[in-house]
């Protein structure tokens, strides 16, 4: 999973030719940290069908606010530079995240 910042977000996410899943997380979000290993596995499983990036909101607050990421964890999907879907909250499961990935992954 590629770590992006406010400086690399446009190039890596908005200008990507692939669908991009952005995992917004914070170091104080315990559930975010619990999900990370499973998210890494999904990134490997769907490599080539979707791009996976992560944003640490503690260093990129304005970026998170700009995309209306108000709760963590948040998985936001981008296609052709536009936000097309999201799933967020401390009650989301890795299975729900994978279902969204299947919806948006390039065949």
Protein backbone atom coordinates (compact mmCIF):
# COMPACT_ATOMS: atom_id res chain seq x y z
CA UNK A 1 0.00 0.00 0.00
CA UNK A 2 1.40 3.37 -1.02
CA UNK A 3 1.51 6.09 1.66
CA UNK A 4 0.42 9.42 0.15
CA UNK A 5 0.47 12.94 1.55
CA UNK A 6 -1.00 16.28 0.59
CA UNK A 7 2.03 16.70 -1.70
CA UNK A 8 1.59 13.41 -3.58
CA UNK A 9 -2.20 12.93 -3.41
CA UNK A 10 -3.01 14.58 -6.73
CA UNK A 11 -0.40 12.64 -8.68
CA UNK A 12 -0.97 9.24 -7.03
CA UNK A 13 -4.76 9.34 -6.57
CA UNK A 14 -6.45 11.95 -8.71
CA UNK A 15 -4.31 11.40 -11.81
CA UNK A 16 -4.28 7.61 -11.55
CA UNK A 17 -5.61 5.68 -14.52
CA UNK A 18 -6.77 2.94 -12.15
CA UNK A 19 -9.50 3.02 -9.55
CA UNK A 20 -7.88 3.99 -6.24
CA UNK A 21 -8.89 2.97 -2.73
CA UNK A 22 -7.59 5.45 -0.17
CA UNK A 23 -7.39 4.17 3.40
CA UNK A 24 -7.62 7.23 5.71
CA UNK A 25 -6.24 6.39 9.15
CA UNK A 26 -4.70 7.95 12.23
CA UNK A 27 -2.11 6.70 14.72
CA UNK A 28 -4.56 7.14 17.61
CA UNK A 29 -7.30 5.16 15.83
CA UNK A 30 -6.95 1.67 17.29
CA UNK A 31 -9.43 0.14 14.85
CA UNK A 32 -7.49 1.67 11.93
CA UNK A 33 -4.35 -0.04 13.17
CA UNK A 34 -6.20 -3.34 13.62
CA UNK A 35 -7.43 -3.20 10.00
CA UNK A 36 -4.00 -2.47 8.50
CA UNK A 37 -2.71 -6.05 8.14
CA UNK A 38 -5.95 -7.14 6.46
CA UNK A 39 -5.86 -4.07 4.19
CA UNK A 40 -2.31 -4.99 3.16
CA UNK A 41 -3.57 -8.48 2.29
CA UNK A 42 -6.38 -7.02 0.18
CA UNK A 43 -3.89 -4.75 -1.58
CA UNK A 44 -1.85 -7.83 -2.51
CA UNK A 45 -4.94 -9.84 -3.51
CA UNK A 46 -6.27 -7.12 -5.83
CA UNK A 47 -2.91 -5.87 -7.14
CA UNK A 48 -3.29 -4.85 -10.77
CA UNK A 49 -7.06 -4.43 -10.48
CA UNK A 50 -7.02 -1.41 -8.20
CA UNK A 51 -4.46 0.92 -6.65
CA UNK A 52 -4.27 1.02 -2.85
CA UNK A 53 -3.07 4.13 -1.00
CA UNK A 54 -3.16 5.28 2.60
CA UNK A 55 -3.26 8.72 4.17
CA UNK A 56 -2.26 9.40 7.77
CA UNK A 57 -4.71 12.16 8.68
CA UNK A 58 -2.56 13.43 11.56
CA UNK A 59 -0.19 15.01 9.06
CA UNK A 60 -2.79 15.70 6.36
CA UNK A 61 -5.79 17.18 8.18
CA UNK A 62 -6.67 19.73 5.51
CA UNK A 63 -6.62 17.04 2.84
CA UNK A 64 -8.96 14.86 4.93
CA UNK A 65 -11.32 17.76 5.60
CA UNK A 66 -11.27 18.68 1.90
CA UNK A 67 -12.61 15.20 1.08
CA UNK A 68 -15.09 15.26 3.97
CA UNK A 69 -13.35 12.45 5.83
CA UNK A 70 -14.83 13.09 9.25
CA UNK A 71 -14.57 9.69 10.90
CA UNK A 72 -11.93 6.99 10.95
CA UNK A 73 -11.28 4.55 9.54
CA UNK A 74 -12.52 5.61 6.12
CA UNK A 75 -12.04 3.84 2.81
CA UNK A 76 -12.70 6.21 -0.09
CA UNK A 77 -12.76 5.11 -3.72
CA UNK A 78 -11.64 7.43 -6.52
CA UNK A 79 -12.08 6.98 -10.25
CA UNK A 80 -10.90 9.45 -12.89
CA UNK A 81 -10.04 11.96 -10.16
CA UNK A 82 -13.50 11.86 -8.58
CA UNK A 83 -14.68 10.41 -5.28
CA UNK A 84 -17.11 7.64 -6.27
CA UNK A 85 -17.80 5.70 -3.06
CA UNK A 86 -16.80 5.35 0.57
CA UNK A 87 -17.24 3.20 3.61
CA UNK A 88 -16.32 4.42 7.08
CA UNK A 89 -16.78 4.04 10.80
CA UNK A 90 -15.53 1.90 13.64
CA UNK A 91 -18.08 -0.82 12.87
CA UNK A 92 -17.03 -1.63 9.29
CA UNK A 93 -15.69 -5.10 8.66
CA UNK A 94 -12.96 -6.25 6.34
CA UNK A 95 -15.64 -8.29 4.51
CA UNK A 96 -17.67 -5.13 3.84
CA UNK A 97 -14.55 -3.40 2.57
CA UNK A 98 -13.78 -6.31 0.25
CA UNK A 99 -17.34 -6.22 -1.14
CA UNK A 100 -16.82 -2.55 -2.06
CA UNK A 101 -13.47 -3.42 -3.63
CA UNK A 102 -15.14 -6.11 -5.76
CA UNK A 103 -17.70 -3.53 -6.92
CA UNK A 104 -15.02 -1.12 -8.10
CA UNK A 105 -12.10 -3.37 -9.09
CA UNK A 106 -11.24 -3.39 -12.77
CA UNK A 107 -12.03 -6.75 -14.32
